[in-house]
Amino acid sequence: MKLPNGRKGRPLTLIDDRTLLLETWQSFEKADALYAYDLKTDQPRKITDIRTPKGVFASNYAVGGGWIVWQTIDKMRTNFWSAPLSGGQPAAVETDTPIKGRGDGLVVTGDKIAFSLHEGGVFTLPLEGGAVTPVEGAERHHILNWPWVGTPGQYTPDNEPSFEEILDAETGQISKALVRPGEEDVRCGVTTCTGRRSDGSFFHRLRDGSGEQELPERTLGLAFDRFVTVHLHPRRGQVLLDLTTGRSGDLGLRPDAKGQVSSIQPGIDPYDRLVAYELEGRYVIIDLARIR
């Protein structure tokens, strides 16, 4: 959990099969540097420093094309920053117009940045800066798995089905998930949905309603359209469940002296192949992309 300089490194995402992207904090949630950590040699390499004004935080890191990109939000406006993965000082990604709203989805695709806003709307921007271009037909959408964007997004305060309708931002193809009357807590990826039936039982199935199967109980997350976590009872930790194969693995989490146990939720962002959590003074790192 600690780098050779004594600072605690916090896993963000996997750069490649053997390299982990870490951040260190100046104070709570206030990042001050990024590191590449080689999982085979256990050696860190500093990529760049991060400096943000008081009350402004770096977040939503994305990697692609030899660059790392992140955002800051200040007074309800989003700004983007980049640095080469090889190392160097961060630079602002200049835009032709201010980005009004809070960024919630961010990817690097080719020579562009694609991003969505918490308030709704998907846009692209050249990696070197320039014109912010709205994606046609995606005025209310959020990034799911580029080029797929959808609505409603991941956050559904009124328990609407998450990503019920998705749009391919490059081809215009639309896919709407089947949601039956009385179903709740429906969460969908590009191909798979999970949820709870009106009788209280749980399911997973394809977006078109086919291939429906029972789930033992409520699940958390939906990573890579196939991985969720399920709680063990009574309060005995969690397992990582593969919906594709039906196999599961114990994450090794157990209640502490107060009976509390950590809860792991795999991210719905398919670009994030990482599940990371603290266990007995170290980090457990799971690369979902390497599970066959």
Protein backbone atom coordinates (compact mmCIF):
# COMPACT_ATOMS: atom_id res chain seq x y z
CA MET A 1 0.00 0.00 0.00
CA LYS A 2 2.98 2.33 0.39
CA LEU A 3 5.54 3.49 -2.16
CA PRO A 4 9.26 3.56 -1.35
CA ASN A 5 8.91 7.25 -0.41
CA GLY A 6 6.42 6.25 2.30
CA ARG A 7 3.39 7.74 0.54
CA LYS A 8 0.24 5.63 0.21
CA GLY A 9 -0.51 4.85 -3.43
CA ARG A 10 -4.16 4.46 -4.43
CA PRO A 11 -4.97 2.30 -7.47
CA LEU A 12 -6.88 4.08 -10.25
CA THR A 13 -6.82 1.86 -13.33
CA LEU A 14 -4.61 -0.53 -15.29
CA ILE A 15 -2.46 1.03 -17.99
CA ASP A 16 -1.67 -2.37 -19.52
CA ASP A 17 -1.35 -6.03 -18.48
CA ARG A 18 1.42 -5.33 -15.98
CA THR A 19 1.22 -1.62 -15.13
CA LEU A 20 -1.03 -0.03 -12.53
CA LEU A 21 -1.82 3.68 -12.43
CA LEU A 22 -1.61 5.07 -8.88
CA GLU A 23 -2.25 8.45 -7.32
CA THR A 24 -0.93 9.86 -4.06
CA TRP A 25 -2.86 12.37 -1.98
CA GLN A 26 -1.74 15.66 -0.50
CA SER A 27 -4.80 15.50 1.78
CA PHE A 28 -8.11 13.64 1.75
CA GLU A 29 -9.06 13.01 -1.92
CA LYS A 30 -6.63 15.76 -2.96
CA ALA A 31 -4.27 14.14 -5.48
CA ASP A 32 -0.74 15.51 -5.79
CA ALA A 33 1.03 13.01 -8.08
CA LEU A 34 0.52 10.07 -10.46
CA TYR A 35 2.70 6.95 -10.67
CA ALA A 36 3.03 3.94 -12.95
CA TYR A 37 3.52 0.81 -10.83
CA ASP A 38 5.01 -2.32 -12.41
CA LEU A 39 3.15 -5.30 -10.93
CA LYS A 40 5.88 -7.75 -11.91
CA THR A 41 8.84 -5.87 -10.41
CA ASP A 42 6.94 -3.91 -7.71
CA GLN A 43 8.70 -0.75 -8.91
CA PRO A 44 6.91 2.63 -9.15
CA ARG A 45 7.75 5.38 -11.65
CA LYS A 46 6.53 8.92 -11.19
CA ILE A 47 4.54 10.21 -14.17
CA THR A 48 3.58 13.72 -13.17
CA ASP A 49 2.67 16.10 -10.37
CA ILE A 50 -0.89 17.37 -9.95
CA ARG A 51 -1.59 20.82 -8.59
CA THR A 52 -5.14 22.07 -8.08
CA PRO A 53 -6.54 25.13 -6.27
CA LYS A 54 -8.21 24.82 -2.89
CA GLY A 55 -11.54 23.03 -3.18
CA VAL A 56 -10.76 21.65 -6.66
CA PHE A 57 -9.99 17.95 -7.14
CA ALA A 58 -8.60 15.83 -9.98
CA SER A 59 -10.83 12.88 -10.98
CA ASN A 60 -12.01 10.60 -13.83
CA TYR A 61 -8.62 9.45 -15.10
CA ALA A 62 -8.51 7.93 -18.60
CA VAL A 63 -5.57 6.40 -20.46
CA GLY A 64 -5.03 6.03 -24.20
CA GLY A 65 -2.63 6.76 -27.04
CA GLY A 66 0.32 7.25 -24.70
CA TRP A 67 -1.49 9.89 -22.66
CA ILE A 68 -3.35 10.16 -19.39
CA VAL A 69 -6.26 12.60 -19.20
CA TRP A 70 -8.25 13.75 -16.18
CA GLN A 71 -10.74 16.41 -15.21
CA THR A 72 -11.25 19.09 -12.59
CA ILE A 73 -14.55 20.78 -11.76
CA ASP A 74 -14.58 24.37 -10.54
CA LYS A 75 -17.74 26.43 -10.09
CA MET A 76 -19.83 23.95 -12.13
CA ARG A 77 -17.40 24.04 -15.05
CA THR A 78 -15.27 21.10 -16.18
CA ASN A 79 -11.68 21.42 -17.36
CA PHE A 80 -9.45 18.70 -18.79
CA TRP A 81 -5.75 18.08 -18.28
CA SER A 82 -3.26 15.72 -19.88
CA ALA A 83 0.23 14.37 -19.38
CA PRO A 84 2.32 11.86 -21.36
CA LEU A 85 2.48 8.41 -19.78
CA SER A 86 6.21 8.49 -20.36
CA GLY A 87 6.43 11.37 -17.88
CA GLY A 88 6.22 15.14 -17.97
CA GLN A 89 4.35 18.12 -16.64
CA PRO A 90 0.56 18.30 -16.98
CA ALA A 91 -1.00 20.70 -19.45
CA ALA A 92 -4.49 22.11 -19.76
CA VAL A 93 -6.55 20.84 -22.71
CA GLU A 94 -7.82 24.16 -24.05
CA THR A 95 -11.39 24.36 -25.39
CA ASP A 96 -13.07 26.84 -27.73
CA THR A 97 -15.87 27.35 -25.22
CA PRO A 98 -16.24 26.76 -21.47
CA ILE A 99 -17.68 23.36 -20.54
CA LYS A 100 -20.64 24.13 -18.29
CA GLY A 101 -21.55 21.16 -16.12
CA ARG A 102 -19.93 18.35 -14.16
CA GLY A 103 -18.08 15.70 -16.13
CA ASP A 104 -19.05 12.10 -15.29
CA GLY A 105 -17.67 9.94 -18.10
CA LEU A 106 -14.29 10.27 -19.83
CA VAL A 107 -12.41 8.15 -22.39
CA VAL A 108 -9.53 8.65 -24.81
CA THR A 109 -10.50 7.37 -28.25
CA GLY A 110 -7.93 7.75 -31.01
CA ASP A 111 -6.84 11.39 -31.11
CA LYS A 112 -9.94 12.60 -29.25
CA ILE A 113 -11.39 12.86 -25.78
CA ALA A 114 -15.01 11.77 -25.41
CA PHE A 115 -16.85 12.89 -22.29
CA SER A 116 -20.31 13.15 -20.81
CA LEU A 117 -21.80 15.43 -18.19
CA HIS A 118 -23.63 14.54 -14.98
CA GLU A 119 -26.42 16.82 -16.16
CA GLY A 120 -26.61 14.88 -19.45
CA GLY A 121 -24.98 15.26 -22.86
CA VAL A 122 -22.03 13.64 -24.67
CA PHE A 123 -19.25 15.55 -26.43
CA THR A 124 -15.91 15.05 -28.16
CA LEU A 125 -12.80 17.19 -28.05
CA PRO A 126 -9.41 16.88 -29.82
CA LEU A 127 -6.77 15.53 -27.45
CA GLU A 128 -4.58 18.55 -28.20
CA GLY A 129 -7.50 20.90 -27.48
CA GLY A 130 -9.93 22.77 -29.70
CA ALA A 131 -13.62 22.63 -30.52
CA VAL A 132 -16.08 20.90 -28.18
CA THR A 133 -18.50 18.98 -30.41
CA PRO A 134 -21.82 17.60 -29.11
CA VAL A 135 -22.76 14.07 -30.19
CA GLU A 136 -25.96 14.21 -32.22
CA GLY A 137 -28.93 12.58 -30.51
CA ALA A 138 -27.10 12.28 -27.17
CA GLU A 139 -28.28 15.45 -25.46
CA ARG A 140 -29.47 13.48 -22.38
CA HIS A 141 -26.96 10.64 -22.52
CA HIS A 142 -23.93 9.46 -20.54
CA ILE A 143 -20.94 7.39 -21.65
CA LEU A 144 -21.36 3.67 -21.01
CA ASN A 145 -18.76 1.98 -23.24
CA TRP A 146 -17.62 4.18 -26.08
CA PRO A 147 -19.06 4.46 -28.67
CA TRP A 148 -22.12 3.33 -26.67
CA VAL A 149 -23.78 6.11 -24.67
CA GLY A 150 -27.10 5.85 -22.86
CA THR A 151 -29.91 7.28 -20.80
CA PRO A 152 -30.67 7.35 -17.94
CA GLY A 153 -27.09 7.09 -16.75
CA GLN A 154 -25.58 5.24 -13.83
CA TYR A 155 -27.26 7.51 -11.26
CA THR A 156 -31.03 7.00 -11.10
CA PRO A 157 -32.45 8.72 -7.99
CA ASP A 158 -36.01 7.65 -8.88
CA ASN A 159 -34.98 4.01 -9.46
CA GLU A 160 -35.28 4.25 -13.24
CA PRO A 161 -33.61 1.45 -15.24
CA SER A 162 -29.99 2.48 -15.67
CA PHE A 163 -28.85 2.71 -19.32
CA GLU A 164 -32.22 1.43 -20.50
CA GLU A 165 -31.66 2.98 -23.94
CA ILE A 166 -28.22 3.16 -25.51
CA LEU A 167 -26.95 4.80 -28.68
CA ASP A 168 -23.88 4.02 -30.77
CA ALA A 169 -22.37 7.50 -31.11
CA GLU A 170 -20.56 6.51 -34.32
CA THR A 171 -23.26 4.60 -36.24
CA GLY A 172 -26.51 5.90 -34.74
CA GLN A 173 -27.68 2.39 -33.79
CA ILE A 174 -30.11 2.33 -30.84
CA SER A 175 -30.75 -0.52 -28.40
CA LYS A 176 -33.48 -0.43 -25.76
CA ALA A 177 -33.50 -2.95 -22.93
CA LEU A 178 -36.60 -4.99 -22.10
CA VAL A 179 -37.91 -4.00 -18.66
CA ARG A 180 -41.00 -5.80 -17.41
CA PRO A 181 -43.69 -4.17 -15.22
CA GLY A 182 -42.85 -4.22 -11.54
CA GLU A 183 -39.10 -4.76 -11.99
CA GLU A 184 -36.77 -2.57 -9.93
CA ASP A 185 -33.05 -1.92 -9.48
CA VAL A 186 -32.49 -2.69 -13.18
CA ARG A 187 -28.91 -1.97 -14.23
CA CYS A 188 -27.79 -2.57 -17.82
CA GLY A 189 -24.50 -2.73 -19.67
CA VAL A 190 -24.11 -2.97 -23.45
CA THR A 191 -25.43 -6.55 -23.57
CA THR A 192 -26.49 -7.57 -20.05
CA CYS A 193 -28.98 -6.38 -17.43
CA THR A 194 -29.49 -7.29 -13.78
CA GLY A 195 -32.43 -6.46 -11.53
CA ARG A 196 -35.17 -7.48 -9.11
CA ARG A 197 -38.55 -8.87 -10.08
CA SER A 198 -41.85 -7.80 -8.52
CA ASP A 199 -41.83 -10.98 -6.37
CA GLY A 200 -38.48 -9.97 -4.83
CA SER A 201 -36.30 -12.49 -6.72
CA PHE A 202 -33.25 -11.38 -8.70
CA PHE A 203 -32.23 -12.01 -12.31
CA HIS A 204 -29.73 -11.36 -15.06
CA ARG A 205 -30.48 -11.53 -18.79
CA LEU A 206 -29.57 -10.04 -22.16
CA ARG A 207 -30.93 -6.62 -23.11
CA ASP A 208 -33.53 -8.15 -25.43
CA GLY A 209 -34.93 -10.24 -22.55
CA SER A 210 -33.45 -13.57 -23.65
CA GLY A 211 -31.24 -15.87 -21.59
CA GLU A 212 -32.78 -14.89 -18.26
CA GLN A 213 -31.32 -16.67 -15.23
CA GLU A 214 -31.77 -16.49 -11.47
CA LEU A 215 -29.39 -14.65 -9.19
CA PRO A 216 -29.02 -15.76 -5.57
CA GLU A 217 -29.66 -12.26 -4.26
CA ARG A 218 -29.03 -8.60 -5.00
CA THR A 219 -25.73 -7.98 -6.73
CA LEU A 220 -23.43 -4.97 -6.90
CA GLY A 221 -21.86 -3.52 -10.03
CA LEU A 222 -21.78 -4.85 -13.59
CA ALA A 223 -18.25 -4.77 -14.98
CA PHE A 224 -17.35 -6.01 -18.47
CA ASP A 225 -21.04 -6.96 -18.89
CA ARG A 226 -20.34 -10.08 -16.81
CA PHE A 227 -18.86 -9.45 -13.33
CA VAL A 228 -20.84 -8.59 -10.20
CA THR A 229 -20.26 -9.06 -6.47
CA VAL A 230 -22.57 -10.94 -4.12
CA HIS A 231 -22.61 -10.77 -0.32
CA LEU A 232 -22.02 -13.93 1.69
CA HIS A 233 -24.21 -14.51 4.73
CA PRO A 234 -24.22 -13.86 7.57
CA ARG A 235 -21.98 -10.84 6.82
CA ARG A 236 -19.07 -13.03 5.75
CA GLY A 237 -17.68 -10.89 2.96
CA GLN A 238 -18.29 -11.11 -0.77
CA VAL A 239 -17.61 -13.21 -3.83
CA LEU A 240 -16.89 -12.00 -7.36
CA LEU A 241 -19.45 -13.73 -9.61
CA ASP A 242 -18.93 -14.27 -13.34
CA LEU A 243 -22.38 -14.20 -14.98
CA THR A 244 -20.95 -15.72 -18.17
CA THR A 245 -19.52 -18.89 -16.64
CA GLY A 246 -21.40 -19.03 -13.33
CA ARG A 247 -18.10 -19.35 -11.44
CA SER A 248 -17.29 -17.25 -8.41
CA GLY A 249 -14.28 -16.40 -6.28
CA ASP A 250 -14.11 -15.47 -2.60
CA LEU A 251 -12.64 -11.97 -2.24
CA GLY A 252 -11.29 -12.84 1.22
CA LEU A 253 -13.10 -10.02 3.03
CA ARG A 254 -14.26 -10.76 6.57
CA PRO A 255 -15.89 -8.70 9.35
CA ASP A 256 -13.61 -6.67 11.59
CA ALA A 257 -13.78 -6.59 15.40
CA LYS A 258 -16.87 -4.39 15.19
CA GLY A 259 -18.60 -6.77 12.77
CA GLN A 260 -18.15 -4.41 9.82
CA VAL A 261 -17.07 -5.72 6.43
CA SER A 262 -15.94 -3.84 3.32
CA SER A 263 -18.23 -3.79 0.29
CA ILE A 264 -16.74 -4.03 -3.22
CA GLN A 265 -18.69 -2.83 -6.26
CA PRO A 266 -17.11 -3.40 -9.69
CA GLY A 267 -17.44 -0.29 -11.85
CA ILE A 268 -19.86 -0.28 -14.77
CA ASP A 269 -17.22 1.47 -16.88
CA PRO A 270 -15.96 -1.30 -19.19
CA TYR A 271 -12.69 0.54 -19.73
CA ASP A 272 -11.94 0.06 -16.06
CA ARG A 273 -10.69 -3.53 -15.92
CA LEU A 274 -9.49 -3.07 -12.35
CA VAL A 275 -10.99 -4.23 -9.06
CA ALA A 276 -8.79 -3.11 -6.16
CA TYR A 277 -9.34 -3.23 -2.42
CA GLU A 278 -7.41 -3.21 0.83
CA LEU A 279 -6.83 -6.50 2.66
CA GLU A 280 -4.52 -7.05 5.63
CA GLY A 281 -2.37 -4.01 4.94
CA ARG A 282 -1.97 -4.57 1.19
CA TYR A 283 -3.96 -4.06 -1.99
CA VAL A 284 -5.59 -6.94 -3.81
CA ILE A 285 -5.50 -6.30 -7.57
CA ILE A 286 -7.87 -8.15 -9.92
CA ASP A 287 -7.56 -7.64 -13.69
CA LEU A 288 -11.02 -8.52 -15.03
CA ALA A 289 -9.78 -8.53 -18.64
CA ARG A 290 -7.59 -11.55 -17.92
CA ILE A 291 -10.35 -13.77 -16.54
CA ARG A 292 -11.35 -16.31 -19.18
